[in-house]
Amino acid sequence: MVKHLLNEQINLNLLTPEKTFFTGDVSMVVIPAEEGELGILPKHAPFATSLRAGEVKIYRNDSISDIFTISGGFAEIVNDKCQIVADGMLL
């Protein structure tokens, strides 16, 4: 990870239509976009993408703190905020 971004955070919301699974500030999140895995850091350019089934990896302090497996969904990144609406969670 780029050193100057280590102290910066991006706000992440990970939810399904039924439940919120994660809300908080993180140093990075890796999402399973249709095009492949994408790493989202603070100050990322705004964009939206559909998600395939796979793992959402949440990083805090340069290491993975949480992993959620989703069945697909949608992600939107705007103004240091990442919102992931998953179709469902897989165990």
N, C-alpha and C. Protein backbone atom coordinates (compact mmCIF):
# COMPACT_ATOMS: atom_id res chain seq x y z
N MET A 1 0.84 -1.18 0.00
CA MET A 1 0.00 0.00 0.00
C MET A 1 0.89 1.24 0.00
N VAL A 2 0.42 2.30 -0.59
CA VAL A 2 1.18 3.54 -0.68
C VAL A 2 1.26 4.18 0.70
N LYS A 3 2.50 4.51 1.14
CA LYS A 3 2.74 5.01 2.50
C LYS A 3 1.92 6.24 2.86
N HIS A 4 1.82 7.23 1.94
CA HIS A 4 1.12 8.46 2.30
C HIS A 4 -0.38 8.26 2.50
N LEU A 5 -0.93 7.14 2.08
CA LEU A 5 -2.36 6.88 2.26
C LEU A 5 -2.66 6.07 3.52
N LEU A 6 -1.63 5.60 4.22
CA LEU A 6 -1.86 4.72 5.36
C LEU A 6 -2.72 5.35 6.45
N ASN A 7 -2.58 6.66 6.65
CA ASN A 7 -3.35 7.31 7.71
C ASN A 7 -4.71 7.79 7.23
N GLU A 8 -4.96 7.71 5.93
CA GLU A 8 -6.25 8.13 5.40
C GLU A 8 -7.20 6.94 5.39
N GLN A 9 -8.49 7.23 5.39
CA GLN A 9 -9.51 6.19 5.49
C GLN A 9 -10.58 6.40 4.42
N ILE A 10 -11.24 5.33 4.09
CA ILE A 10 -12.43 5.39 3.25
C ILE A 10 -13.57 4.78 4.07
N ASN A 11 -14.74 5.40 4.00
CA ASN A 11 -15.89 4.90 4.75
C ASN A 11 -16.56 3.79 3.95
N LEU A 12 -16.74 2.63 4.58
CA LEU A 12 -17.31 1.47 3.91
C LEU A 12 -18.63 1.07 4.55
N ASN A 13 -19.62 0.82 3.71
CA ASN A 13 -20.90 0.23 4.13
C ASN A 13 -21.11 -1.02 3.29
N LEU A 14 -21.27 -2.15 3.95
CA LEU A 14 -21.52 -3.42 3.27
C LEU A 14 -22.85 -3.94 3.78
N LEU A 15 -23.82 -4.07 2.87
CA LEU A 15 -25.15 -4.48 3.30
C LEU A 15 -25.83 -5.33 2.25
N THR A 16 -26.87 -6.02 2.69
CA THR A 16 -27.80 -6.73 1.81
C THR A 16 -29.15 -6.04 1.99
N PRO A 17 -30.15 -6.39 1.19
CA PRO A 17 -31.46 -5.79 1.42
C PRO A 17 -32.02 -6.06 2.82
N GLU A 18 -31.54 -7.11 3.48
CA GLU A 18 -32.08 -7.47 4.79
C GLU A 18 -31.27 -6.96 5.98
N LYS A 19 -29.94 -6.73 5.79
CA LYS A 19 -29.10 -6.49 6.96
C LYS A 19 -27.83 -5.72 6.59
N THR A 20 -27.34 -4.89 7.51
CA THR A 20 -26.04 -4.25 7.37
C THR A 20 -25.01 -5.16 8.02
N PHE A 21 -23.95 -5.51 7.27
CA PHE A 21 -22.93 -6.41 7.78
C PHE A 21 -21.68 -5.68 8.26
N PHE A 22 -21.39 -4.51 7.69
CA PHE A 22 -20.21 -3.76 8.11
C PHE A 22 -20.42 -2.29 7.80
N THR A 23 -20.07 -1.45 8.76
CA THR A 23 -20.04 0.00 8.58
C THR A 23 -18.84 0.52 9.35
N GLY A 24 -17.98 1.28 8.67
CA GLY A 24 -16.84 1.85 9.37
C GLY A 24 -15.79 2.36 8.41
N ASP A 25 -14.77 2.99 8.98
CA ASP A 25 -13.67 3.52 8.20
C ASP A 25 -12.59 2.46 8.07
N VAL A 26 -12.06 2.31 6.87
CA VAL A 26 -11.05 1.29 6.57
C VAL A 26 -9.94 1.92 5.75
N SER A 27 -8.78 1.25 5.72
CA SER A 27 -7.67 1.77 4.93
C SER A 27 -7.77 1.35 3.47
N MET A 28 -8.42 0.20 3.21
CA MET A 28 -8.63 -0.27 1.84
C MET A 28 -9.68 -1.36 1.86
N VAL A 29 -10.37 -1.53 0.73
CA VAL A 29 -11.30 -2.64 0.55
C VAL A 29 -11.05 -3.21 -0.84
N VAL A 30 -11.01 -4.54 -0.94
CA VAL A 30 -10.86 -5.22 -2.22
C VAL A 30 -12.20 -5.87 -2.53
N ILE A 31 -12.72 -5.56 -3.74
CA ILE A 31 -14.05 -6.04 -4.12
C ILE A 31 -13.97 -6.94 -5.35
N PRO A 32 -14.89 -7.92 -5.45
CA PRO A 32 -14.90 -8.82 -6.61
C PRO A 32 -15.73 -8.26 -7.76
N ALA A 33 -15.18 -7.28 -8.46
CA ALA A 33 -15.90 -6.66 -9.58
C ALA A 33 -15.99 -7.65 -10.74
N GLU A 34 -16.90 -7.39 -11.64
CA GLU A 34 -17.06 -8.24 -12.82
C GLU A 34 -15.77 -8.33 -13.63
N GLU A 35 -14.99 -7.24 -13.65
CA GLU A 35 -13.76 -7.18 -14.42
C GLU A 35 -12.58 -7.85 -13.70
N GLY A 36 -12.75 -8.21 -12.44
CA GLY A 36 -11.68 -8.77 -11.61
C GLY A 36 -11.64 -8.07 -10.28
N GLU A 37 -10.72 -8.46 -9.41
CA GLU A 37 -10.62 -7.83 -8.10
C GLU A 37 -10.13 -6.40 -8.23
N LEU A 38 -10.78 -5.50 -7.49
CA LEU A 38 -10.41 -4.09 -7.48
C LEU A 38 -10.08 -3.65 -6.07
N GLY A 39 -8.95 -3.00 -5.88
CA GLY A 39 -8.60 -2.42 -4.59
C GLY A 39 -9.04 -0.98 -4.53
N ILE A 40 -9.81 -0.65 -3.51
CA ILE A 40 -10.35 0.71 -3.35
C ILE A 40 -9.63 1.37 -2.18
N LEU A 41 -8.88 2.43 -2.48
CA LEU A 41 -8.16 3.21 -1.48
C LEU A 41 -8.82 4.57 -1.30
N PRO A 42 -8.46 5.30 -0.22
CA PRO A 42 -8.95 6.67 -0.08
C PRO A 42 -8.60 7.49 -1.32
N LYS A 43 -9.45 8.43 -1.66
CA LYS A 43 -9.30 9.33 -2.80
C LYS A 43 -9.45 8.61 -4.15
N HIS A 44 -10.09 7.44 -4.14
CA HIS A 44 -10.34 6.71 -5.39
C HIS A 44 -11.29 7.52 -6.26
N ALA A 45 -11.10 7.44 -7.55
CA ALA A 45 -12.00 8.12 -8.49
C ALA A 45 -13.41 7.56 -8.35
N PRO A 46 -14.42 8.40 -8.47
CA PRO A 46 -15.81 7.92 -8.37
C PRO A 46 -16.12 6.93 -9.49
N PHE A 47 -16.82 5.88 -9.13
CA PHE A 47 -17.30 4.93 -10.13
C PHE A 47 -18.31 3.98 -9.51
N ALA A 48 -18.98 3.23 -10.36
CA ALA A 48 -19.93 2.20 -9.93
C ALA A 48 -19.66 0.95 -10.75
N THR A 49 -19.89 -0.22 -10.14
CA THR A 49 -19.65 -1.48 -10.83
C THR A 49 -20.55 -2.56 -10.29
N SER A 50 -20.87 -3.52 -11.13
CA SER A 50 -21.56 -4.71 -10.63
C SER A 50 -20.51 -5.65 -10.06
N LEU A 51 -20.95 -6.49 -9.14
CA LEU A 51 -20.05 -7.42 -8.45
C LEU A 51 -20.44 -8.86 -8.77
N ARG A 52 -19.46 -9.71 -8.86
CA ARG A 52 -19.69 -11.14 -9.03
C ARG A 52 -19.58 -11.80 -7.66
N ALA A 53 -19.90 -13.06 -7.57
CA ALA A 53 -19.72 -13.80 -6.32
C ALA A 53 -18.23 -13.82 -5.98
N GLY A 54 -17.91 -13.62 -4.72
CA GLY A 54 -16.51 -13.61 -4.30
C GLY A 54 -16.35 -12.98 -2.94
N GLU A 55 -15.09 -12.69 -2.60
CA GLU A 55 -14.77 -12.15 -1.28
C GLU A 55 -14.59 -10.64 -1.31
N VAL A 56 -15.15 -9.99 -0.29
CA VAL A 56 -14.89 -8.59 -0.01
C VAL A 56 -13.87 -8.59 1.13
N LYS A 57 -12.67 -8.08 0.85
CA LYS A 57 -11.59 -8.08 1.84
C LYS A 57 -11.43 -6.67 2.39
N ILE A 58 -11.53 -6.56 3.70
CA ILE A 58 -11.46 -5.27 4.38
C ILE A 58 -10.10 -5.16 5.07
N TYR A 59 -9.40 -4.06 4.78
CA TYR A 59 -8.07 -3.83 5.36
C TYR A 59 -8.12 -2.70 6.36
N ARG A 60 -7.46 -2.92 7.48
CA ARG A 60 -7.22 -1.88 8.48
C ARG A 60 -5.75 -1.96 8.83
N ASN A 61 -5.07 -0.83 8.86
CA ASN A 61 -3.65 -0.78 9.19
C ASN A 61 -2.82 -1.74 8.36
N ASP A 62 -3.08 -1.76 7.07
CA ASP A 62 -2.29 -2.52 6.09
C ASP A 62 -2.41 -4.04 6.20
N SER A 63 -3.42 -4.54 6.89
CA SER A 63 -3.64 -5.99 6.92
C SER A 63 -5.14 -6.29 6.90
N ILE A 64 -5.48 -7.48 6.43
CA ILE A 64 -6.89 -7.87 6.33
C ILE A 64 -7.48 -8.02 7.73
N SER A 65 -8.59 -7.33 7.98
CA SER A 65 -9.26 -7.44 9.27
C SER A 65 -10.55 -8.26 9.18
N ASP A 66 -11.20 -8.23 8.00
CA ASP A 66 -12.46 -8.95 7.82
C ASP A 66 -12.57 -9.42 6.38
N ILE A 67 -13.23 -10.57 6.20
CA ILE A 67 -13.55 -11.07 4.86
C ILE A 67 -15.01 -11.50 4.86
N PHE A 68 -15.76 -11.00 3.88
CA PHE A 68 -17.14 -11.38 3.69
C PHE A 68 -17.28 -11.99 2.30
N THR A 69 -18.00 -13.08 2.18
CA THR A 69 -18.23 -13.71 0.88
C THR A 69 -19.63 -13.36 0.41
N ILE A 70 -19.69 -12.72 -0.75
CA ILE A 70 -20.98 -12.27 -1.28
C ILE A 70 -21.36 -13.10 -2.50
N SER A 71 -22.65 -13.07 -2.83
CA SER A 71 -23.14 -13.83 -3.99
C SER A 71 -23.27 -12.95 -5.24
N GLY A 72 -22.85 -11.71 -5.15
CA GLY A 72 -22.96 -10.75 -6.24
C GLY A 72 -23.54 -9.47 -5.70
N GLY A 73 -23.68 -8.46 -6.56
CA GLY A 73 -24.27 -7.21 -6.10
C GLY A 73 -23.77 -6.03 -6.89
N PHE A 74 -23.59 -4.91 -6.18
CA PHE A 74 -23.29 -3.63 -6.80
C PHE A 74 -22.45 -2.81 -5.83
N ALA A 75 -21.48 -2.05 -6.35
CA ALA A 75 -20.67 -1.16 -5.51
C ALA A 75 -20.63 0.23 -6.13
N GLU A 76 -20.64 1.24 -5.26
CA GLU A 76 -20.51 2.62 -5.69
C GLU A 76 -19.48 3.31 -4.81
N ILE A 77 -18.55 4.02 -5.44
CA ILE A 77 -17.51 4.75 -4.73
C ILE A 77 -17.64 6.21 -5.09
N VAL A 78 -17.86 7.07 -4.08
CA VAL A 78 -18.00 8.51 -4.26
C VAL A 78 -17.51 9.20 -3.00
N ASN A 79 -16.65 10.22 -3.17
CA ASN A 79 -16.21 11.07 -2.05
C ASN A 79 -15.70 10.30 -0.84
N ASP A 80 -14.75 9.40 -1.03
CA ASP A 80 -14.17 8.60 0.05
C ASP A 80 -15.22 7.76 0.79
N LYS A 81 -16.27 7.37 0.07
CA LYS A 81 -17.28 6.47 0.61
C LYS A 81 -17.49 5.34 -0.38
N CYS A 82 -17.51 4.11 0.14
CA CYS A 82 -17.76 2.94 -0.68
C CYS A 82 -18.99 2.24 -0.13
N GLN A 83 -20.00 2.12 -0.95
CA GLN A 83 -21.21 1.40 -0.55
C GLN A 83 -21.33 0.15 -1.39
N ILE A 84 -21.43 -0.99 -0.71
CA ILE A 84 -21.61 -2.28 -1.38
C ILE A 84 -22.96 -2.82 -1.00
N VAL A 85 -23.80 -3.03 -2.01
CA VAL A 85 -25.10 -3.67 -1.78
C VAL A 85 -24.99 -5.06 -2.39
N ALA A 86 -24.89 -6.06 -1.52
CA ALA A 86 -24.73 -7.45 -1.97
C ALA A 86 -26.10 -8.10 -2.13
N ASP A 87 -26.20 -8.98 -3.13
CA ASP A 87 -27.44 -9.75 -3.30
C ASP A 87 -27.68 -10.64 -2.09
N GLY A 88 -26.60 -11.19 -1.55
CA GLY A 88 -26.69 -12.07 -0.39
C GLY A 88 -25.30 -12.41 0.09
N MET A 89 -25.22 -13.01 1.27
CA MET A 89 -23.95 -13.44 1.85
C MET A 89 -23.87 -14.96 1.78
N LEU A 90 -22.68 -15.45 1.52
CA LEU A 90 -22.43 -16.88 1.49
C LEU A 90 -21.60 -17.27 2.71
N LEU A 91 -21.88 -18.43 3.26
CA LEU A 91 -21.11 -18.87 4.43
C LEU A 91 -19.93 -19.68 4.03
